[in-house]
N, C-alpha and C. Protein backbone atom coordinates (compact mmCIF):
# COMPACT_ATOMS: atom_id res chain seq x y z
N MET A 1 0.76 -0.95 -0.19
CA MET A 1 -0.33 -0.24 -0.09
C MET A 1 0.69 1.37 0.05
N ASP A 2 0.61 1.82 -0.66
CA ASP A 2 1.58 3.09 -1.30
C ASP A 2 1.03 4.39 -0.32
N SER A 3 1.49 5.56 -0.05
CA SER A 3 1.16 6.54 0.38
C SER A 3 -0.38 7.17 -0.17
N GLY A 4 -0.21 7.30 -1.46
CA GLY A 4 -1.32 7.56 -2.09
C GLY A 4 -2.75 6.93 -1.73
N ASN A 5 -2.45 5.59 -1.67
CA ASN A 5 -3.76 5.04 -0.81
C ASN A 5 -4.20 5.34 0.30
N LEU A 6 -3.16 5.46 0.81
CA LEU A 6 -3.49 5.76 2.39
C LEU A 6 -4.07 7.17 2.65
N ILE A 7 -3.64 8.02 1.77
CA ILE A 7 -4.07 9.30 1.77
C ILE A 7 -5.64 9.59 1.23
N ALA A 8 -5.93 8.77 0.18
CA ALA A 8 -7.44 8.59 -0.13
C ALA A 8 -8.38 8.02 0.59
N PHE A 9 -7.54 6.78 1.34
CA PHE A 9 -8.66 6.39 2.20
C PHE A 9 -9.21 7.24 3.26
N LEU A 10 -7.70 8.11 3.82
CA LEU A 10 -8.25 9.08 4.99
C LEU A 10 -8.96 10.33 4.55
N LYS A 11 -9.20 10.38 3.14
CA LYS A 11 -9.89 11.72 2.67
C LYS A 11 -11.55 11.14 2.75
N LYS A 12 -11.63 9.98 2.69
CA LYS A 12 -12.81 9.66 2.46
C LYS A 12 -13.38 9.07 3.78
N PHE A 13 -12.71 9.11 4.85
CA PHE A 13 -13.03 8.69 6.19
C PHE A 13 -13.49 10.05 7.25
N SER A 14 -14.59 9.79 7.56
CA SER A 14 -15.41 10.93 8.40
C SER A 14 -15.02 11.04 9.77
N PHE A 15 -14.44 11.86 10.46
CA PHE A 15 -14.11 11.79 11.93
C PHE A 15 -15.35 12.29 12.23
N GLY A 16 -16.16 13.50 11.66
CA GLY A 16 -17.01 13.93 12.12
C GLY A 16 -18.44 12.97 12.40
N ARG A 17 -18.78 12.06 11.38
CA ARG A 17 -19.32 10.70 11.52
C ARG A 17 -18.99 9.73 12.54
N LEU A 18 -17.51 9.86 12.81
CA LEU A 18 -17.37 8.56 13.61
C LEU A 18 -17.66 9.63 15.44
N ILE A 19 -17.59 10.72 15.39
CA ILE A 19 -17.75 11.22 16.61
C ILE A 19 -19.08 11.43 16.73
N GLY A 20 -20.15 11.50 15.87
CA GLY A 20 -21.50 11.89 15.88
C GLY A 20 -21.89 10.25 16.12
N CYS A 21 -21.59 9.42 15.92
CA CYS A 21 -22.17 8.14 15.93
C CYS A 21 -21.81 7.50 17.14
N GLY A 22 -20.78 7.93 17.71
CA GLY A 22 -20.15 7.50 19.14
C GLY A 22 -20.97 8.30 20.49
N ILE A 23 -21.50 9.54 19.95
CA ILE A 23 -22.47 10.49 20.71
C ILE A 23 -23.82 9.74 20.77
N VAL A 24 -24.05 9.40 19.40
CA VAL A 24 -25.66 8.76 19.58
C VAL A 24 -25.45 7.02 20.04
N LEU A 25 -24.76 6.61 19.98
CA LEU A 25 -24.31 5.31 20.59
C LEU A 25 -24.30 5.49 22.08
N ARG A 26 -23.63 6.23 22.86
CA ARG A 26 -23.62 6.57 24.35
C ARG A 26 -24.96 6.97 24.76
N ILE A 27 -25.84 8.11 23.89
CA ILE A 27 -27.09 8.32 24.29
C ILE A 27 -28.09 6.94 24.59
N ALA A 28 -28.14 6.37 23.47
CA ALA A 28 -28.86 5.05 23.16
C ALA A 28 -28.54 4.11 24.23
N VAL A 29 -26.92 3.85 24.58
CA VAL A 29 -27.25 2.95 25.65
C VAL A 29 -27.46 3.56 27.10
N ALA A 30 -27.03 4.88 27.16
CA ALA A 30 -27.88 5.57 28.61
C ALA A 30 -29.43 5.22 28.65
N LEU A 31 -30.08 5.59 27.44
CA LEU A 31 -31.49 5.35 27.94
C LEU A 31 -31.65 3.88 27.78
N VAL A 32 -31.54 2.91 27.47
CA VAL A 32 -31.89 1.72 27.88
C VAL A 32 -31.23 1.36 28.90
N ASP A 33 -29.92 1.58 29.50
CA ASP A 33 -29.40 1.19 30.67
C ASP A 33 -30.14 1.89 32.05
N GLY A 34 -30.81 2.92 31.24
CA GLY A 34 -31.75 3.74 32.49
C GLY A 34 -32.93 3.19 32.58
N VAL A 35 -33.56 2.79 31.67
CA VAL A 35 -35.38 2.06 31.05
C VAL A 35 -35.27 0.65 32.14
N PHE A 36 -34.22 -0.05 31.76
CA PHE A 36 -34.21 -1.50 32.28
C PHE A 36 -33.28 -2.01 33.22
N GLY A 37 -32.39 -0.86 33.30
CA GLY A 37 -31.31 -1.22 34.58
C GLY A 37 -30.20 -2.05 34.58
N LEU A 38 -29.80 -2.31 33.09
CA LEU A 38 -28.85 -3.53 32.81
C LEU A 38 -27.77 -3.22 33.54
N GLU A 39 -27.17 -1.68 33.82
CA GLU A 39 -25.85 -1.14 34.29
C GLU A 39 -25.03 -1.85 33.31
N ILE A 40 -24.95 -1.31 32.03
CA ILE A 40 -24.11 -1.55 30.63
C ILE A 40 -23.11 -0.94 31.07
N ASN A 41 -22.90 0.09 31.68
CA ASN A 41 -22.05 1.23 31.86
C ASN A 41 -20.83 0.41 32.80
N GLU A 42 -21.27 -0.26 33.80
CA GLU A 42 -20.30 -1.15 34.49
C GLU A 42 -19.16 -2.25 33.97
N ILE A 43 -19.72 -2.54 32.38
CA ILE A 43 -18.89 -3.60 31.85
C ILE A 43 -17.51 -2.88 31.50
N GLU A 44 -16.24 -3.82 32.07
CA GLU A 44 -15.28 -3.24 32.08
C GLU A 44 -14.53 -3.27 30.52
N ASN A 45 -14.11 -1.99 30.08
CA ASN A 45 -13.69 -1.41 28.56
C ASN A 45 -14.80 -0.93 27.91
N PHE A 46 -15.87 -0.66 28.59
CA PHE A 46 -17.07 0.04 27.95
C PHE A 46 -16.49 0.87 26.98
N ASN A 47 -16.02 1.76 27.19
CA ASN A 47 -16.04 2.75 26.05
C ASN A 47 -14.90 2.53 24.77
N ILE A 48 -13.98 1.48 24.90
CA ILE A 48 -13.32 0.61 23.81
C ILE A 48 -14.67 0.15 22.97
N TYR A 49 -15.51 -0.46 23.73
CA TYR A 49 -16.85 -1.67 22.83
C TYR A 49 -17.27 -0.30 21.79
N LEU A 50 -17.60 0.60 22.79
CA LEU A 50 -18.44 1.97 22.00
C LEU A 50 -17.49 2.26 20.68
N PHE A 51 -16.39 2.58 21.07
CA PHE A 51 -15.42 3.16 19.84
C PHE A 51 -15.43 2.23 18.86
N VAL A 52 -15.13 0.73 19.02
CA VAL A 52 -14.96 -0.06 17.99
C VAL A 52 -16.44 -0.03 17.14
N VAL A 53 -17.52 -0.16 17.95
CA VAL A 53 -18.66 -0.22 17.12
C VAL A 53 -18.96 1.14 16.30
N ALA A 54 -18.57 2.29 16.74
CA ALA A 54 -18.36 3.40 15.86
C ALA A 54 -17.69 3.56 14.88
N LEU A 55 -16.49 2.80 15.02
CA LEU A 55 -15.50 2.98 13.91
C LEU A 55 -16.13 1.83 12.97
N ILE A 56 -16.64 0.82 13.13
CA ILE A 56 -16.88 -0.19 12.24
C ILE A 56 -18.19 0.60 11.52
N TYR A 57 -19.16 1.19 12.13
CA TYR A 57 -20.07 2.15 11.54
C TYR A 57 -19.57 2.64 10.37
N THR A 58 -18.76 3.47 10.86
CA THR A 58 -18.03 4.86 10.08
C THR A 58 -17.30 4.06 8.91
N VAL A 59 -16.47 3.27 8.87
CA VAL A 59 -15.93 2.24 8.05
C VAL A 59 -16.96 1.56 6.69
N PHE A 60 -17.89 0.87 7.40
CA PHE A 60 -19.15 0.45 6.43
C PHE A 60 -19.57 1.67 5.68
N TRP A 61 -19.84 2.61 6.21
CA TRP A 61 -20.61 3.95 5.78
C TRP A 61 -19.43 4.32 4.61
N MET A 62 -18.48 4.63 4.75
CA MET A 62 -17.27 5.20 4.02
C MET A 62 -17.32 4.15 2.50
N PHE A 63 -17.22 2.98 2.62
CA PHE A 63 -17.15 2.07 1.62
C PHE A 63 -18.52 2.43 0.67
N ASN A 64 -19.67 2.16 1.65
CA ASN A 64 -20.89 2.30 0.97
C ASN A 64 -21.09 3.33 0.11
N LYS A 65 -20.55 4.42 0.78
CA LYS A 65 -20.67 5.64 -0.10
C LYS A 65 -19.58 5.87 -1.28
N SER A 66 -18.77 5.27 -1.21
CA SER A 66 -17.63 5.54 -2.31
C SER A 66 -18.35 4.11 -3.63
N TYR A 67 -18.98 3.22 -3.24
CA TYR A 67 -19.88 2.44 -4.26
C TYR A 67 -20.71 3.27 -4.89
N SER A 68 -21.33 3.92 -4.25
CA SER A 68 -22.72 4.47 -4.52
C SER A 68 -22.02 5.87 -5.60
N ASP A 69 -21.09 6.39 -5.14
CA ASP A 69 -20.54 7.22 -5.99
C ASP A 69 -19.80 6.51 -7.40
N GLU A 70 -19.49 5.83 -7.40
CA GLU A 70 -18.96 5.12 -8.62
C GLU A 70 -20.18 4.67 -9.74
N GLU A 71 -21.05 4.23 -9.35
CA GLU A 71 -22.31 4.09 -9.86
C GLU A 71 -22.90 4.92 -10.83
N TYR A 72 -22.69 6.34 -10.17
CA TYR A 72 -23.31 7.38 -11.05
C TYR A 72 -22.21 8.47 -11.43
N GLU A 73 -21.19 7.63 -12.02
CA GLU A 73 -20.44 8.52 -12.59
C GLU A 73 -20.43 8.28 -14.35
N ASP A 74 -21.46 8.49 -14.86
CA ASP A 74 -21.80 7.93 -16.03
C ASP A 74 -21.12 9.39 -16.74
């Protein structure tokens, strides 16, 4: 992988979407935890799990967007 591919990958990556997804996940987990009393926040490495889920969503969104952009380049 040369530096051009890495730079192209980082241009498509959305840090705003990653942060936004993390905030939405945190709020959703807090609501579910508050309603059902599951004590999800007490899980060890809880923040890391949320970050990984947000990162996976962001990467999937990024590749999905790149495929849809290529379809409309007629």
